[in-house]
Amino acid sequence: MLKPSDNEKLVRVGPGQPAGELLRRYWMPALLASELPEADGAPVRVRLLGEDLIAFKDSQGEIGLVDAHCPHRRAPMFFGRNEECGLRCVYHGWKFDRHGDCVDMPSEPAGTPLQAKVKIKAYPAVEKGGIIWAYMGAREHQPPVPDYEWMRAPATHRHVSKTFEDCNYVQAMEGGLDTAHSSFAHNNNMQAKDEPRNRDKSPRLDIERTDYGYYYVSTRQMGGGDTYIRLYHYIMPFQQMRGGIHHFNGDRRDLPELDGHLWVPIDDEHTYVYNWACGYDASVQLDPEHMDEREHFYGRGRQDLIPGTFKLKRNKSNDYLVDRNMQKSRTYTGISGVNTQDFALQEGMGSIVDRSLENLGTSDRAIVTMRRLLLEAIEELKENKTPRGCDPSTHRSVRPYDAFVKAGDDWRAIFDPQIIAKW
């Protein structure tokens, strides 16, 4: 369980809130690069950490991220004209560049000193790895842009997507860091006796803190002395990295991909989940047709989204189209789509779960450690310490890995060459 006061520290993300101030020390996804496909194209609404913003790509291809309202009379900048390296409010023509400077004030007398005084709130933003990243904190604390391995993979070897989740980011992230629930929530073939999730429903967890957050080793016994081992990474403040499933001898059972998620707070009660995958090495180019099938398997393919949004068609308004007959005979939940299953359970807890009512067990160690790290970082900010994971050098070389290991084999010797970034 978690004290209500500590829960409040974790879940409130607005300016001046404990978690809000912590999150503003990191670069974070603001939108997909595909949402701003062209210079001088249409502006896009962004809501991030409880703030309403507008993103645009200027004439030179640089990204602007500014207040959603003009500082003159608070007119909506969404309707602005994106022209000649600036966004012009269509109410009175005031124009602002991506730095927030007013570069034209045609409704005022020429040479007015007001133009030099007026600025629109603007945040640094860069495009990298198929995502547009924003930094919303104090400039004197601005860290270098993240350098995760998957961001360095070329576009032909990388895939990113985005989905809307109707709950707080912490409970969404907790689902990603919880390995035990796959035996139940994601058991889509209850009759498959060779599945790790069916063989051993109680994984053992060992957690090692790091400069970027932690990694944990999850161990399941497969019978006959064989062991299934997963090595996950939690990179502060809200990213999970996991590997594909591999045989111990190097023959890969699934396609050789790495993948993960970033749970980015829209506000206190809503989250965007950024999903990424990249090829295991340069020999693994991601086939677009395969990625479409993969996204549909997870329940977040193009056909699974409400057109023009990142919201799932299967959502809490229709009980995720749960099929009770399928639940009786084939799958544990009766809900199609791995991520849809997650959303049903995480959103079903309410917008912000009351963690004082929990009863945690040994399989919840990864979640407990994540909460402690965030709470510790919130306290360390008061001493002006740099939070874990801000420095890209702490995370640029890490990668996850999963494998089936034979009895008598040293899993660490098998894993060590595989958990160093190859991109």
Protein backbone atom coordinates (compact mmCIF):
# COMPACT_ATOMS: atom_id res chain seq x y z
CA MET A 1 0.00 0.00 0.00
CA LEU A 2 1.01 3.63 -0.45
CA LYS A 3 0.11 6.54 1.79
CA PRO A 4 -2.40 8.91 0.15
CA SER A 5 0.08 11.78 0.52
CA ASP A 6 2.76 9.84 -1.38
CA ASN A 7 0.22 8.80 -3.99
CA GLU A 8 -0.62 12.46 -4.57
CA LYS A 9 3.06 13.25 -5.05
CA LEU A 10 3.32 10.63 -7.81
CA VAL A 11 0.17 11.33 -9.81
CA ARG A 12 -0.11 15.13 -10.00
CA VAL A 13 1.78 16.42 -13.03
CA GLY A 14 0.86 20.08 -13.39
CA PRO A 15 3.27 23.00 -12.87
CA GLY A 16 4.35 23.30 -9.24
CA GLN A 17 3.26 19.77 -8.34
CA PRO A 18 5.93 17.37 -7.02
CA ALA A 19 5.78 14.89 -9.92
CA GLY A 20 5.13 17.74 -12.34
CA GLU A 21 8.37 19.43 -11.36
CA LEU A 22 10.28 16.14 -11.55
CA LEU A 23 8.94 15.26 -15.01
CA ARG A 24 9.87 18.72 -16.28
CA ARG A 25 13.53 17.86 -15.70
CA TYR A 26 13.37 15.30 -18.56
CA TRP A 27 12.86 15.47 -22.30
CA MET A 28 9.59 13.76 -23.13
CA PRO A 29 7.56 12.80 -26.21
CA ALA A 30 5.13 15.52 -27.25
CA LEU A 31 3.82 13.95 -30.47
CA LEU A 32 4.82 11.66 -33.29
CA ALA A 33 6.99 13.16 -36.02
CA SER A 34 4.37 11.97 -38.51
CA GLU A 35 1.89 14.41 -36.95
CA LEU A 36 4.00 17.30 -38.30
CA PRO A 37 4.89 15.98 -41.75
CA GLU A 38 5.84 19.20 -43.54
CA ALA A 39 7.36 22.63 -43.03
CA ASP A 40 4.78 25.42 -42.82
CA GLY A 41 2.08 22.77 -42.42
CA ALA A 42 -0.96 22.84 -40.18
CA PRO A 43 -0.36 23.42 -36.45
CA VAL A 44 -1.26 20.56 -34.08
CA ARG A 45 -2.83 20.71 -30.64
CA VAL A 46 -0.72 19.18 -27.85
CA ARG A 47 -1.64 18.67 -24.21
CA LEU A 48 1.31 17.70 -22.06
CA LEU A 49 1.72 17.71 -18.27
CA GLY A 50 -1.59 19.54 -17.96
CA GLU A 51 -0.56 22.38 -20.31
CA ASP A 52 -2.31 23.18 -23.60
CA LEU A 53 0.21 23.83 -26.37
CA ILE A 54 0.51 24.12 -30.14
CA ALA A 55 3.21 22.37 -32.19
CA PHE A 56 4.32 23.51 -35.64
CA LYS A 57 7.17 22.91 -38.05
CA ASP A 58 8.57 26.17 -39.37
CA SER A 59 9.89 27.02 -42.83
CA GLN A 60 13.33 25.66 -41.99
CA GLY A 61 11.94 22.38 -40.64
CA GLU A 62 12.57 23.33 -37.00
CA ILE A 63 9.94 22.45 -34.39
CA GLY A 64 8.02 25.07 -32.44
CA LEU A 65 6.02 24.26 -29.30
CA VAL A 66 4.18 27.25 -27.92
CA ASP A 67 1.28 28.23 -25.69
CA ALA A 68 -2.11 27.33 -27.16
CA HIS A 69 -3.25 30.95 -26.78
CA CYS A 70 -1.90 34.23 -28.10
CA PRO A 71 -0.50 36.50 -25.34
CA HIS A 72 -2.38 39.47 -26.87
CA ARG A 73 -6.04 38.58 -26.29
CA ARG A 74 -5.74 34.80 -25.73
CA ALA A 75 -7.03 33.86 -29.16
CA PRO A 76 -6.40 30.21 -30.15
CA MET A 77 -3.09 29.71 -31.94
CA PHE A 78 -4.41 26.46 -33.43
CA PHE A 79 -5.97 28.59 -36.17
CA GLY A 80 -2.71 30.46 -36.74
CA ARG A 81 -0.96 30.83 -40.10
CA ASN A 82 2.31 28.88 -40.18
CA GLU A 83 4.40 31.07 -42.45
CA GLU A 84 7.96 32.37 -42.96
CA CYS A 85 9.48 30.82 -39.80
CA GLY A 86 6.70 31.78 -37.44
CA LEU A 87 3.13 31.19 -36.33
CA ARG A 88 0.84 34.19 -36.90
CA CYS A 89 -2.29 34.65 -34.83
CA VAL A 90 -5.20 35.25 -37.21
CA TYR A 91 -7.00 37.56 -34.78
CA HIS A 92 -4.71 40.60 -35.03
CA GLY A 93 -1.72 39.26 -36.95
CA TRP A 94 0.84 39.02 -34.15
CA LYS A 95 3.50 36.54 -35.19
CA PHE A 96 5.82 34.46 -33.02
CA ASP A 97 8.83 32.33 -33.89
CA ARG A 98 9.65 28.95 -32.34
CA HIS A 99 11.65 30.65 -29.56
CA GLY A 100 8.55 32.58 -28.47
CA ASP A 101 9.76 35.96 -29.73
CA CYS A 102 7.25 38.30 -31.36
CA VAL A 103 8.66 38.96 -34.84
CA ASP A 104 5.74 41.00 -36.21
CA MET A 105 3.01 43.15 -34.62
CA PRO A 106 1.16 44.70 -37.57
CA SER A 107 -1.81 45.98 -35.55
CA GLU A 108 0.48 48.30 -33.56
CA PRO A 109 2.48 51.37 -34.71
CA ALA A 110 5.79 50.62 -36.42
CA GLY A 111 8.70 50.45 -33.98
CA THR A 112 6.50 49.94 -30.93
CA PRO A 113 8.55 48.89 -27.86
CA LEU A 114 5.69 46.50 -26.99
CA GLN A 115 6.93 44.03 -29.61
CA ALA A 116 10.21 43.44 -27.79
CA LYS A 117 8.40 42.90 -24.49
CA VAL A 118 5.72 40.46 -25.60
CA LYS A 119 6.59 36.77 -25.79
CA ILE A 120 4.57 33.62 -26.09
CA LYS A 121 5.49 30.71 -23.83
CA ALA A 122 7.70 28.37 -25.84
CA TYR A 123 9.49 25.13 -25.05
CA PRO A 124 12.52 23.60 -26.81
CA ALA A 125 11.52 20.75 -29.11
CA VAL A 126 13.49 18.42 -31.38
CA GLU A 127 12.66 15.58 -33.74
CA LYS A 128 14.51 12.33 -33.11
CA GLY A 129 13.68 8.65 -33.52
CA GLY A 130 10.32 9.31 -35.17
CA ILE A 131 9.14 11.35 -32.15
CA ILE A 132 9.11 15.05 -31.35
CA TRP A 133 10.60 15.58 -27.90
CA ALA A 134 9.95 18.55 -25.64
CA TYR A 135 11.72 19.95 -22.60
CA MET A 136 9.42 21.90 -20.28
CA GLY A 137 11.72 22.64 -17.37
CA ALA A 138 14.03 25.47 -16.38
CA ARG A 139 16.63 26.18 -19.05
CA GLU A 140 19.52 26.04 -16.58
CA HIS A 141 18.67 22.38 -15.91
CA GLN A 142 18.09 21.34 -19.52
CA PRO A 143 19.83 17.99 -20.15
CA PRO A 144 21.05 16.68 -23.50
CA VAL A 145 18.43 15.05 -25.72
CA PRO A 146 17.83 11.35 -24.91
CA ASP A 147 19.91 8.81 -26.79
CA TYR A 148 18.15 5.47 -26.37
CA GLU A 149 19.34 2.69 -28.63
CA TRP A 150 16.03 2.45 -30.51
CA MET A 151 16.28 6.14 -31.43
CA ARG A 152 19.55 5.48 -33.26
CA ALA A 153 18.14 2.70 -35.43
CA PRO A 154 17.36 3.92 -38.97
CA ALA A 155 13.71 4.42 -39.94
CA THR A 156 13.78 1.16 -41.91
CA HIS A 157 14.64 -0.72 -38.72
CA ARG A 158 12.38 1.18 -36.31
CA HIS A 159 8.66 1.57 -35.67
CA VAL A 160 6.82 3.96 -33.35
CA SER A 161 3.13 4.38 -32.59
CA LYS A 162 0.91 6.11 -30.07
CA THR A 163 -2.27 5.30 -28.17
CA PHE A 164 -4.50 7.22 -25.77
CA GLU A 165 -5.13 5.75 -22.32
CA ASP A 166 -7.89 7.07 -20.10
CA CYS A 167 -6.11 7.02 -16.72
CA ASN A 168 -3.12 8.37 -14.83
CA TYR A 169 0.32 7.57 -16.18
CA VAL A 170 1.54 5.76 -13.04
CA GLN A 171 -1.04 2.96 -13.10
CA ALA A 172 -0.52 2.60 -16.84
CA MET A 173 3.25 2.30 -16.33
CA GLU A 174 2.80 -0.16 -13.48
CA GLY A 175 1.09 -2.53 -15.89
CA GLY A 176 4.10 -2.45 -18.18
CA LEU A 177 6.56 -3.13 -15.38
CA ASP A 178 4.49 -6.01 -13.97
CA THR A 179 5.63 -9.31 -15.48
CA ALA A 180 3.35 -11.63 -13.47
CA HIS A 181 0.11 -10.44 -15.06
CA SER A 182 1.03 -11.94 -18.44
CA SER A 183 0.09 -15.38 -17.05
CA PHE A 184 -3.45 -14.14 -16.68
CA ALA A 185 -4.41 -10.94 -18.50
CA HIS A 186 -2.41 -11.82 -21.64
CA ASN A 187 -3.02 -15.56 -21.62
CA ASN A 188 -4.58 -15.86 -25.06
CA ASN A 189 -4.16 -19.63 -25.30
CA MET A 190 -4.88 -21.24 -21.96
CA GLN A 191 -4.40 -24.73 -23.42
CA ALA A 192 -0.78 -24.16 -24.56
CA LYS A 193 1.11 -26.07 -21.87
CA ASP A 194 4.57 -25.13 -23.21
CA GLU A 195 3.98 -21.40 -22.70
CA PRO A 196 6.12 -19.93 -19.88
CA ARG A 197 3.06 -18.11 -18.53
CA ASN A 198 1.23 -21.44 -18.22
CA ARG A 199 4.16 -23.47 -16.89
CA ASP A 200 5.08 -21.09 -14.07
CA LYS A 201 2.60 -18.43 -13.01
CA SER A 202 4.73 -17.07 -10.16
CA PRO A 203 7.93 -15.49 -11.55
CA ARG A 204 10.80 -14.64 -9.20
CA LEU A 205 12.12 -11.08 -9.44
CA ASP A 206 15.57 -9.71 -8.71
CA ILE A 207 15.99 -5.94 -9.02
CA GLU A 208 19.18 -3.94 -9.46
CA ARG A 209 19.11 -0.16 -9.16
CA THR A 210 21.11 1.78 -11.75
CA ASP A 211 21.97 5.36 -12.68
CA TYR A 212 19.00 5.40 -15.08
CA GLY A 213 16.45 3.60 -12.89
CA TYR A 214 16.72 -0.18 -12.57
CA TYR A 215 16.73 -3.46 -14.37
CA TYR A 216 15.01 -6.56 -13.15
CA VAL A 217 15.47 -10.24 -13.86
CA SER A 218 12.29 -12.32 -13.96
CA THR A 219 12.76 -16.11 -13.71
CA ARG A 220 10.21 -18.82 -14.52
CA GLN A 221 10.87 -22.55 -14.23
CA MET A 222 9.92 -24.50 -17.35
CA GLY A 223 10.38 -28.04 -16.05
CA GLY A 224 13.28 -30.38 -16.64
CA GLY A 225 15.62 -27.76 -15.21
CA ASP A 226 15.02 -25.29 -18.05
CA THR A 227 14.46 -21.66 -17.12
CA TYR A 228 12.82 -18.74 -18.88
CA ILE A 229 14.54 -15.46 -18.02
CA ARG A 230 13.48 -11.91 -18.88
CA LEU A 231 15.67 -8.88 -18.31
CA TYR A 232 13.63 -5.65 -18.35
CA HIS A 233 14.78 -2.06 -17.95
CA TYR A 234 12.93 0.78 -16.25
CA ILE A 235 14.37 4.08 -17.42
CA MET A 236 13.19 7.06 -15.43
CA PRO A 237 10.80 8.63 -15.44
CA PHE A 238 8.36 6.51 -17.51
CA GLN A 239 9.99 4.12 -19.99
CA GLN A 240 10.09 0.32 -20.11
CA MET A 241 12.38 -1.72 -22.37
CA ARG A 242 11.85 -5.42 -23.05
CA GLY A 243 13.29 -7.98 -25.42
CA GLY A 244 11.78 -10.50 -27.79
CA ILE A 245 11.71 -14.13 -26.71
CA HIS A 246 14.84 -16.06 -27.70
CA HIS A 247 16.02 -19.66 -27.36
CA PHE A 248 19.14 -20.09 -25.24
CA ASN A 249 21.16 -21.31 -28.26
CA GLY A 250 20.54 -18.17 -30.29
CA ASP A 251 17.73 -19.50 -32.49
CA ARG A 252 15.03 -16.89 -32.11
CA ARG A 253 11.49 -18.01 -31.50
CA ASP A 254 9.86 -14.67 -32.26
CA LEU A 255 11.02 -12.09 -34.78
CA PRO A 256 14.23 -10.54 -33.39
CA GLU A 257 12.93 -7.21 -32.19
CA LEU A 258 13.34 -5.10 -29.09
CA ASP A 259 10.37 -3.08 -27.93
CA GLY A 260 9.04 -0.92 -25.16
CA HIS A 261 6.72 1.87 -24.09
CA LEU A 262 6.83 5.39 -22.72
CA TRP A 263 3.84 6.44 -20.61
CA VAL A 264 3.61 10.21 -21.04
CA PRO A 265 1.14 12.20 -18.91
CA ILE A 266 -1.31 14.32 -20.85
CA ASP A 267 -2.59 15.53 -17.49
CA ASP A 268 -3.43 13.94 -14.14
CA GLU A 269 -6.08 11.63 -15.58
CA HIS A 270 -4.99 10.87 -19.15
CA THR A 271 -1.92 9.36 -20.79
CA TYR A 272 -0.38 8.90 -24.22
CA VAL A 273 1.47 5.61 -24.58
CA TYR A 274 4.31 5.76 -27.09
CA ASN A 275 5.13 2.27 -28.38
CA TRP A 276 8.45 1.54 -30.07
CA ALA A 277 10.16 -1.42 -31.68
CA CYS A 278 13.50 -1.79 -33.41
CA GLY A 279 15.38 -4.56 -35.13
CA TYR A 280 17.78 -6.56 -33.02
CA ASP A 281 20.65 -5.49 -35.28
CA ALA A 282 21.31 -4.08 -38.76
CA SER A 283 20.28 -7.36 -40.39
CA VAL A 284 16.71 -6.99 -39.12
CA GLN A 285 14.71 -4.54 -41.18
CA LEU A 286 11.14 -4.11 -39.97
CA ASP A 287 8.65 -5.04 -42.65
CA PRO A 288 5.73 -2.53 -42.73
CA GLU A 289 3.19 -5.29 -43.40
CA HIS A 290 4.48 -7.28 -40.44
CA MET A 291 4.37 -4.19 -38.23
CA ASP A 292 0.73 -3.56 -39.22
CA GLU A 293 -0.11 -7.14 -38.21
CA ARG A 294 1.86 -6.76 -35.01
CA GLU A 295 0.09 -3.55 -34.05
CA HIS A 296 -3.29 -5.19 -34.72
CA PHE A 297 -2.30 -8.15 -32.51
CA TYR A 298 -1.71 -5.65 -29.72
CA GLY A 299 -5.07 -4.04 -30.46
CA ARG A 300 -3.64 -0.70 -31.55
CA GLY A 301 -3.45 -1.09 -35.34
CA ARG A 302 -4.93 1.52 -37.65
CA GLN A 303 -8.13 -0.52 -37.93
CA ASP A 304 -8.39 -0.59 -34.13
CA LEU A 305 -8.40 3.21 -33.68
CA ILE A 306 -11.28 5.64 -33.93
CA PRO A 307 -10.50 7.47 -37.21
CA GLY A 308 -8.62 10.71 -36.72
CA THR A 309 -7.65 9.86 -33.14
CA PHE A 310 -5.30 7.67 -31.13
CA LYS A 311 -8.23 6.24 -29.14
CA LEU A 312 -9.19 2.57 -29.33
CA LYS A 313 -12.53 1.52 -30.75
CA ARG A 314 -12.61 -1.07 -27.96
CA ASN A 315 -12.83 1.14 -24.89
CA LYS A 316 -14.57 1.45 -21.56
CA SER A 317 -17.72 2.89 -23.15
CA ASN A 318 -18.37 -0.51 -24.76
CA ASP A 319 -16.64 -2.72 -22.16
CA TYR A 320 -13.81 -3.33 -24.64
CA LEU A 321 -16.22 -5.64 -26.53
CA VAL A 322 -15.51 -8.43 -24.06
CA ASP A 323 -16.54 -11.86 -25.40
CA ARG A 324 -17.66 -14.04 -22.48
CA ASN A 325 -17.79 -17.19 -24.59
CA MET A 326 -14.19 -16.70 -25.69
CA GLN A 327 -13.28 -16.08 -22.06
CA LYS A 328 -14.72 -19.46 -21.07
CA SER A 329 -12.89 -21.50 -23.67
CA ARG A 330 -9.77 -19.83 -25.00
CA THR A 331 -8.48 -16.61 -23.41
CA TYR A 332 -8.33 -15.43 -19.84
CA THR A 333 -10.03 -12.07 -20.39
CA GLY A 334 -12.24 -12.56 -23.45
CA ILE A 335 -10.84 -9.26 -24.74
CA SER A 336 -8.98 -9.08 -28.05
CA GLY A 337 -5.69 -7.19 -28.24
CA VAL A 338 -2.87 -7.39 -25.71
CA ASN A 339 -2.81 -3.65 -25.03
CA THR A 340 -6.61 -3.55 -25.00
CA GLN A 341 -6.50 -6.07 -22.18
CA ASP A 342 -4.12 -3.76 -20.33
CA PHE A 343 -6.34 -0.74 -20.89
CA ALA A 344 -9.45 -2.56 -19.64
CA LEU A 345 -7.76 -3.34 -16.34
CA GLN A 346 -5.81 -0.12 -15.87
CA GLU A 347 -8.62 2.24 -16.90
CA GLY A 348 -11.05 0.13 -14.88
CA MET A 349 -9.18 1.10 -11.70
CA GLY A 350 -10.49 4.64 -12.15
CA SER A 351 -8.73 7.75 -13.37
CA ILE A 352 -6.39 7.72 -10.36
CA VAL A 353 -6.25 4.53 -8.31
CA ASP A 354 -6.32 4.67 -4.49
CA ARG A 355 -3.11 2.80 -3.65
CA SER A 356 -3.82 2.90 0.09
CA LEU A 357 -6.28 0.04 -0.52
CA GLU A 358 -3.70 -2.28 -2.13
CA ASN A 359 -2.27 -5.52 -0.76
CA LEU A 360 1.05 -6.09 -2.54
CA GLY A 361 3.00 -9.33 -2.91
CA THR A 362 6.48 -10.47 -3.95
CA SER A 363 5.64 -10.24 -7.66
CA ASP A 364 5.07 -6.49 -7.18
CA ARG A 365 8.71 -5.69 -6.37
CA ALA A 366 9.33 -3.92 -9.66
CA ILE A 367 6.35 -1.65 -9.08
CA VAL A 368 7.32 -0.89 -5.50
CA THR A 369 10.87 -0.02 -6.55
CA MET A 370 9.66 2.27 -9.34
CA ARG A 371 7.47 4.18 -6.88
CA ARG A 372 10.35 4.51 -4.42
CA LEU A 373 12.69 5.82 -7.11
CA LEU A 374 10.21 8.49 -8.17
CA LEU A 375 9.49 9.53 -4.60
CA GLU A 376 13.21 9.68 -3.81
CA ALA A 377 13.81 11.79 -6.92
CA ILE A 378 11.06 14.20 -5.88
CA GLU A 379 12.80 14.68 -2.53
CA GLU A 380 16.24 14.98 -4.17
CA LEU A 381 14.97 17.85 -6.33
CA LYS A 382 14.61 19.87 -3.16
CA GLU A 383 18.39 19.52 -2.77
CA ASN A 384 18.88 20.48 -6.44
CA LYS A 385 20.20 17.04 -7.33
CA THR A 386 19.96 15.81 -10.92
CA PRO A 387 17.43 12.96 -11.19
CA ARG A 388 18.43 9.51 -12.42
CA GLY A 389 18.17 9.01 -16.17
CA CYS A 390 18.53 12.65 -17.23
CA ASP A 391 22.08 12.05 -18.46
CA PRO A 392 21.93 10.12 -21.78
CA SER A 393 25.24 8.42 -21.02
CA THR A 394 23.48 6.38 -18.32
CA HIS A 395 21.08 4.72 -20.74
CA ARG A 396 22.51 4.86 -24.26
CA SER A 397 24.11 1.40 -24.18
CA VAL A 398 21.47 -0.64 -22.34
CA ARG A 399 19.16 -3.16 -23.97
CA PRO A 400 16.77 -5.86 -22.69
CA TYR A 401 16.85 -9.57 -23.45
CA ASP A 402 14.70 -12.69 -22.99
CA ALA A 403 15.87 -16.28 -23.32
CA PHE A 404 15.19 -19.90 -22.50
CA VAL A 405 18.22 -21.25 -20.66
CA LYS A 406 19.13 -24.92 -20.31
CA ALA A 407 19.81 -26.52 -16.97
CA GLY A 408 23.39 -25.99 -15.87
CA ASP A 409 24.02 -23.00 -18.16
CA ASP A 410 25.17 -19.70 -16.71
CA TRP A 411 22.45 -17.29 -17.84
CA ARG A 412 24.62 -14.24 -17.08
CA ALA A 413 27.32 -15.46 -19.48
CA ILE A 414 24.62 -15.95 -22.13
CA PHE A 415 23.01 -12.57 -21.50
CA ASP A 416 26.11 -10.36 -21.14
CA PRO A 417 26.94 -10.13 -24.87
CA GLN A 418 23.27 -9.54 -25.70
CA ILE A 419 22.47 -6.66 -23.35
CA ILE A 420 24.87 -4.13 -24.85
CA ALA A 421 23.42 -1.82 -27.50
CA LYS A 422 24.33 -2.67 -31.10
CA TRP A 423 23.01 0.49 -32.74
